[in-house]
Amino acid sequence: MRHQPIDQFLDTAVPLHAPPVMSRKERLLRWADILKALDQRVLQPLKFVEFYAPHERRRLRADQSPLDLAFADPTLRAAGLHGDSLGEAQAFFGLSDEESHFLLCDCHWRGRMTGAAAAKRVRAVASPNPFNRLWMAFQAD
């Protein structure tokens, strides 16, 4: 190791890039954009979310689920999404059990879960307006 003046060191230093800081709303809207881009592609909801014990519920995951697609996004991973399980998504997106159930459980999806329909629900959760959430709760997708 060679000693050098600080001004020379700063000229050659390579800064490390910090992960992007995204608000809860920005994370949710990014997720909604990912889902919306899939439009009518059929996604897999999580099965029987409400019947699992809390510690088992956190481990739930499914291939081709909205969580799997969120984890595949490099921007969300760089922002701190560490996996595609329900527990990881709840922690990263700041989702309550009720919000997670509304967004991801098969009992809330009559028929098919599509990217466009899932994106609408994620946007409703991201909205600060409680009437948006109430309206979405009664929408048939």
C-alpha atoms as a PDB file:
ATOM      1  CA  MET A   1       0.000   0.000   0.000  1.00  0.00           C
ATOM      2  CA  ARG A   2       1.339   3.358  -1.000  1.00  0.00           C
ATOM      3  CA  HIS A   3       0.690   6.572   0.895  1.00  0.00           C
ATOM      4  CA  GLN A   4      -0.539   9.467  -1.187  1.00  0.00           C
ATOM      5  CA  PRO A   5      -2.119  12.846  -0.530  1.00  0.00           C
ATOM      6  CA  ILE A   6      -5.894  12.834  -0.144  1.00  0.00           C
ATOM      7  CA  ASP A   7      -6.465  15.058  -3.195  1.00  0.00           C
ATOM      8  CA  GLN A   8      -4.715  12.499  -5.427  1.00  0.00           C
ATOM      9  CA  PHE A   9      -6.714   9.704  -3.850  1.00  0.00           C
ATOM     10  CA  LEU A  10     -10.028  11.482  -4.488  1.00  0.00           C
ATOM     11  CA  ASP A  11      -9.131  11.944  -8.147  1.00  0.00           C
ATOM     12  CA  THR A  12      -8.753   8.186  -8.636  1.00  0.00           C
ATOM     13  CA  ALA A  13     -11.416   6.911  -6.240  1.00  0.00           C
ATOM     14  CA  VAL A  14     -14.365   5.044  -7.716  1.00  0.00           C
ATOM     15  CA  PRO A  15     -17.586   5.801  -5.842  1.00  0.00           C
ATOM     16  CA  LEU A  16     -19.823   2.940  -4.784  1.00  0.00           C
ATOM     17  CA  HIS A  17     -23.416   3.287  -5.868  1.00  0.00           C
ATOM     18  CA  ALA A  18     -25.968   3.041  -3.113  1.00  0.00           C
ATOM     19  CA  PRO A  19     -29.156   1.143  -3.884  1.00  0.00           C
ATOM     20  CA  PRO A  20     -31.965   3.401  -5.037  1.00  0.00           C
ATOM     21  CA  VAL A  21     -34.115   4.710  -2.223  1.00  0.00           C
ATOM     22  CA  MET A  22     -37.750   4.216  -3.129  1.00  0.00           C
ATOM     23  CA  SER A  23     -40.768   5.134  -1.049  1.00  0.00           C
ATOM     24  CA  ARG A  24     -43.460   2.549  -0.359  1.00  0.00           C
ATOM     25  CA  LYS A  25     -45.655   4.141  -3.001  1.00  0.00           C
ATOM     26  CA  GLU A  26     -42.833   4.128  -5.579  1.00  0.00           C
ATOM     27  CA  ARG A  27     -42.137   0.435  -4.890  1.00  0.00           C
ATOM     28  CA  LEU A  28     -45.817  -0.453  -5.249  1.00  0.00           C
ATOM     29  CA  LEU A  29     -46.208   1.599  -8.436  1.00  0.00           C
ATOM     30  CA  ARG A  30     -43.107  -0.029  -9.940  1.00  0.00           C
ATOM     31  CA  TRP A  31     -44.632  -3.426  -9.167  1.00  0.00           C
ATOM     32  CA  ALA A  32     -47.930  -2.322 -10.739  1.00  0.00           C
ATOM     33  CA  ASP A  33     -46.074  -1.199 -13.891  1.00  0.00           C
ATOM     34  CA  ILE A  34     -44.409  -4.618 -14.159  1.00  0.00           C
ATOM     35  CA  LEU A  35     -47.769  -6.351 -13.849  1.00  0.00           C
ATOM     36  CA  LYS A  36     -49.530  -3.943 -16.233  1.00  0.00           C
ATOM     37  CA  ALA A  37     -46.920  -4.656 -18.912  1.00  0.00           C
ATOM     38  CA  LEU A  38     -48.040  -8.296 -18.840  1.00  0.00           C
ATOM     39  CA  ASP A  39     -51.606  -7.197 -19.642  1.00  0.00           C
ATOM     40  CA  GLN A  40     -53.729 -10.346 -20.184  1.00  0.00           C
ATOM     41  CA  ARG A  41     -51.041 -12.861 -19.248  1.00  0.00           C
ATOM     42  CA  VAL A  42     -52.428 -15.310 -16.693  1.00  0.00           C
ATOM     43  CA  LEU A  43     -50.647 -15.202 -13.328  1.00  0.00           C
ATOM     44  CA  GLN A  44     -50.744 -17.622 -10.425  1.00  0.00           C
ATOM     45  CA  PRO A  45     -52.324 -16.422  -7.186  1.00  0.00           C
ATOM     46  CA  LEU A  46     -51.225 -17.874  -3.872  1.00  0.00           C
ATOM     47  CA  LYS A  47     -53.451 -20.694  -2.644  1.00  0.00           C
ATOM     48  CA  PHE A  48     -55.395 -20.572   0.640  1.00  0.00           C
ATOM     49  CA  VAL A  49     -53.334 -17.762   2.195  1.00  0.00           C
ATOM     50  CA  GLU A  50     -55.699 -17.286   5.125  1.00  0.00           C
ATOM     51  CA  PHE A  51     -55.460 -20.924   6.234  1.00  0.00           C
ATOM     52  CA  TYR A  52     -51.729 -20.955   6.984  1.00  0.00           C
ATOM     53  CA  ALA A  53     -50.182 -20.168  10.329  1.00  0.00           C
ATOM     54  CA  PRO A  54     -48.331 -16.809  10.236  1.00  0.00           C
ATOM     55  CA  HIS A  55     -44.843 -18.377  10.143  1.00  0.00           C
ATOM     56  CA  GLU A  56     -45.871 -20.678   7.275  1.00  0.00           C
ATOM     57  CA  ARG A  57     -47.712 -17.893   5.445  1.00  0.00           C
ATOM     58  CA  ARG A  58     -44.507 -15.851   5.200  1.00  0.00           C
ATOM     59  CA  ARG A  59     -42.865 -18.675   3.189  1.00  0.00           C
ATOM     60  CA  LEU A  60     -45.649 -18.939   0.587  1.00  0.00           C
ATOM     61  CA  ARG A  61     -44.595 -18.453  -3.010  1.00  0.00           C
ATOM     62  CA  ALA A  62     -45.579 -19.578  -6.508  1.00  0.00           C
ATOM     63  CA  ASP A  63     -43.929 -19.582  -9.901  1.00  0.00           C
ATOM     64  CA  GLN A  64     -45.454 -16.980 -12.246  1.00  0.00           C
ATOM     65  CA  SER A  65     -47.084 -15.185  -9.326  1.00  0.00           C
ATOM     66  CA  PRO A  66     -47.008 -11.397  -8.989  1.00  0.00           C
ATOM     67  CA  LEU A  67     -44.339 -11.894  -6.303  1.00  0.00           C
ATOM     68  CA  ASP A  68     -42.168 -13.997  -8.610  1.00  0.00           C
ATOM     69  CA  LEU A  69     -42.398 -11.304 -11.284  1.00  0.00           C
ATOM     70  CA  ALA A  70     -41.565  -8.523  -8.822  1.00  0.00           C
ATOM     71  CA  PHE A  71     -38.465 -10.401  -7.692  1.00  0.00           C
ATOM     72  CA  ALA A  72     -37.376 -10.850 -11.311  1.00  0.00           C
ATOM     73  CA  ASP A  73     -37.200  -7.056 -11.689  1.00  0.00           C
ATOM     74  CA  PRO A  74     -33.617  -5.782 -11.196  1.00  0.00           C
ATOM     75  CA  THR A  75     -34.806  -2.365  -9.984  1.00  0.00           C
ATOM     76  CA  LEU A  76     -36.851  -3.835  -7.141  1.00  0.00           C
ATOM     77  CA  ARG A  77     -34.050  -6.242  -6.222  1.00  0.00           C
ATOM     78  CA  ALA A  78     -31.559  -3.360  -6.166  1.00  0.00           C
ATOM     79  CA  ALA A  79     -33.958  -1.428  -3.929  1.00  0.00           C
ATOM     80  CA  GLY A  80     -33.958  -4.284  -1.417  1.00  0.00           C
ATOM     81  CA  LEU A  81     -36.422  -7.019  -2.435  1.00  0.00           C
ATOM     82  CA  HIS A  82     -34.648 -10.184  -1.260  1.00  0.00           C
ATOM     83  CA  GLY A  83     -36.988 -12.937  -2.406  1.00  0.00           C
ATOM     84  CA  ASP A  84     -40.315 -13.926  -3.908  1.00  0.00           C
ATOM     85  CA  SER A  85     -41.994 -15.186  -0.743  1.00  0.00           C
ATOM     86  CA  LEU A  86     -45.025 -13.537   0.818  1.00  0.00           C
ATOM     87  CA  GLY A  87     -43.021 -12.530   3.884  1.00  0.00           C
ATOM     88  CA  GLU A  88     -40.326 -10.824   1.804  1.00  0.00           C
ATOM     89  CA  ALA A  89     -42.990  -8.975  -0.199  1.00  0.00           C
ATOM     90  CA  GLN A  90     -44.843  -7.858   2.914  1.00  0.00           C
ATOM     91  CA  ALA A  91     -41.650  -6.468   4.417  1.00  0.00           C
ATOM     92  CA  PHE A  92     -40.444  -4.787   1.206  1.00  0.00           C
ATOM     93  CA  PHE A  93     -43.754  -3.347   0.005  1.00  0.00           C
ATOM     94  CA  GLY A  94     -45.057  -2.606   3.505  1.00  0.00           C
ATOM     95  CA  LEU A  95     -48.127  -4.792   3.032  1.00  0.00           C
ATOM     96  CA  SER A  96     -50.443  -5.756   5.858  1.00  0.00           C
ATOM     97  CA  ASP A  97     -51.902  -9.261   6.058  1.00  0.00           C
ATOM     98  CA  GLU A  98     -55.207  -7.896   4.740  1.00  0.00           C
ATOM     99  CA  GLU A  99     -53.557  -6.140   1.793  1.00  0.00           C
ATOM    100  CA  SER A 100     -51.526  -9.233   0.933  1.00  0.00           C
ATOM    101  CA  HIS A 101     -54.624 -11.391   1.072  1.00  0.00           C
ATOM    102  CA  PHE A 102     -56.543  -8.944  -1.144  1.00  0.00           C
ATOM    103  CA  LEU A 103     -53.734  -8.774  -3.709  1.00  0.00           C
ATOM    104  CA  LEU A 104     -52.527 -12.338  -3.872  1.00  0.00           C
ATOM    105  CA  CYS A 105     -54.949 -14.949  -2.503  1.00  0.00           C
ATOM    106  CA  ASP A 106     -56.842 -17.161  -4.923  1.00  0.00           C
ATOM    107  CA  CYS A 107     -60.118 -16.616  -3.044  1.00  0.00           C
ATOM    108  CA  HIS A 108     -60.148 -12.987  -4.276  1.00  0.00           C
ATOM    109  CA  TRP A 109     -59.640 -13.962  -7.894  1.00  0.00           C
ATOM    110  CA  ARG A 110     -62.764 -15.309  -9.543  1.00  0.00           C
ATOM    111  CA  GLY A 111     -61.478 -17.132 -12.559  1.00  0.00           C
ATOM    112  CA  ARG A 112     -58.185 -15.758 -13.836  1.00  0.00           C
ATOM    113  CA  MET A 113     -55.612 -13.430 -12.354  1.00  0.00           C
ATOM    114  CA  THR A 114     -54.174 -11.327 -15.168  1.00  0.00           C
ATOM    115  CA  GLY A 115     -51.331  -8.856 -15.091  1.00  0.00           C
ATOM    116  CA  ALA A 116     -53.636  -5.921 -15.844  1.00  0.00           C
ATOM    117  CA  ALA A 117     -56.139  -6.837 -13.127  1.00  0.00           C
ATOM    118  CA  ALA A 118     -53.389  -7.431 -10.549  1.00  0.00           C
ATOM    119  CA  ALA A 119     -51.833  -4.064 -11.456  1.00  0.00           C
ATOM    120  CA  LYS A 120     -55.160  -2.319 -10.719  1.00  0.00           C
ATOM    121  CA  ARG A 121     -55.249  -3.848  -7.272  1.00  0.00           C
ATOM    122  CA  VAL A 122     -51.646  -2.936  -6.506  1.00  0.00           C
ATOM    123  CA  ARG A 123     -52.372   0.654  -7.568  1.00  0.00           C
ATOM    124  CA  ALA A 124     -55.419   0.697  -5.289  1.00  0.00           C
ATOM    125  CA  VAL A 125     -53.256  -0.394  -2.357  1.00  0.00           C
ATOM    126  CA  ALA A 126     -50.688   2.273  -3.246  1.00  0.00           C
ATOM    127  CA  SER A 127     -53.365   4.968  -3.242  1.00  0.00           C
ATOM    128  CA  PRO A 128     -53.821   6.987  -0.065  1.00  0.00           C
ATOM    129  CA  ASN A 129     -57.530   7.322  -0.877  1.00  0.00           C
ATOM    130  CA  PRO A 130     -59.512   4.770   1.192  1.00  0.00           C
ATOM    131  CA  PHE A 131     -62.376   4.893  -1.321  1.00  0.00           C
ATOM    132  CA  ASN A 132     -60.075   3.447  -4.003  1.00  0.00           C
ATOM    133  CA  ARG A 133     -59.437   0.463  -1.775  1.00  0.00           C
ATOM    134  CA  LEU A 134     -63.115   0.061  -0.981  1.00  0.00           C
ATOM    135  CA  TRP A 135     -64.053   0.285  -4.658  1.00  0.00           C
ATOM    136  CA  MET A 136     -61.446  -2.300  -5.620  1.00  0.00           C
ATOM    137  CA  ALA A 137     -62.697  -4.649  -2.910  1.00  0.00           C
ATOM    138  CA  PHE A 138     -66.065  -4.796  -4.690  1.00  0.00           C
ATOM    139  CA  GLN A 139     -64.764  -4.975  -8.247  1.00  0.00           C
ATOM    140  CA  ALA A 140     -65.066  -8.243 -10.093  1.00  0.00           C
ATOM    141  CA  ASP A 141     -61.992  -8.944 -12.188  1.00  0.00           C
END
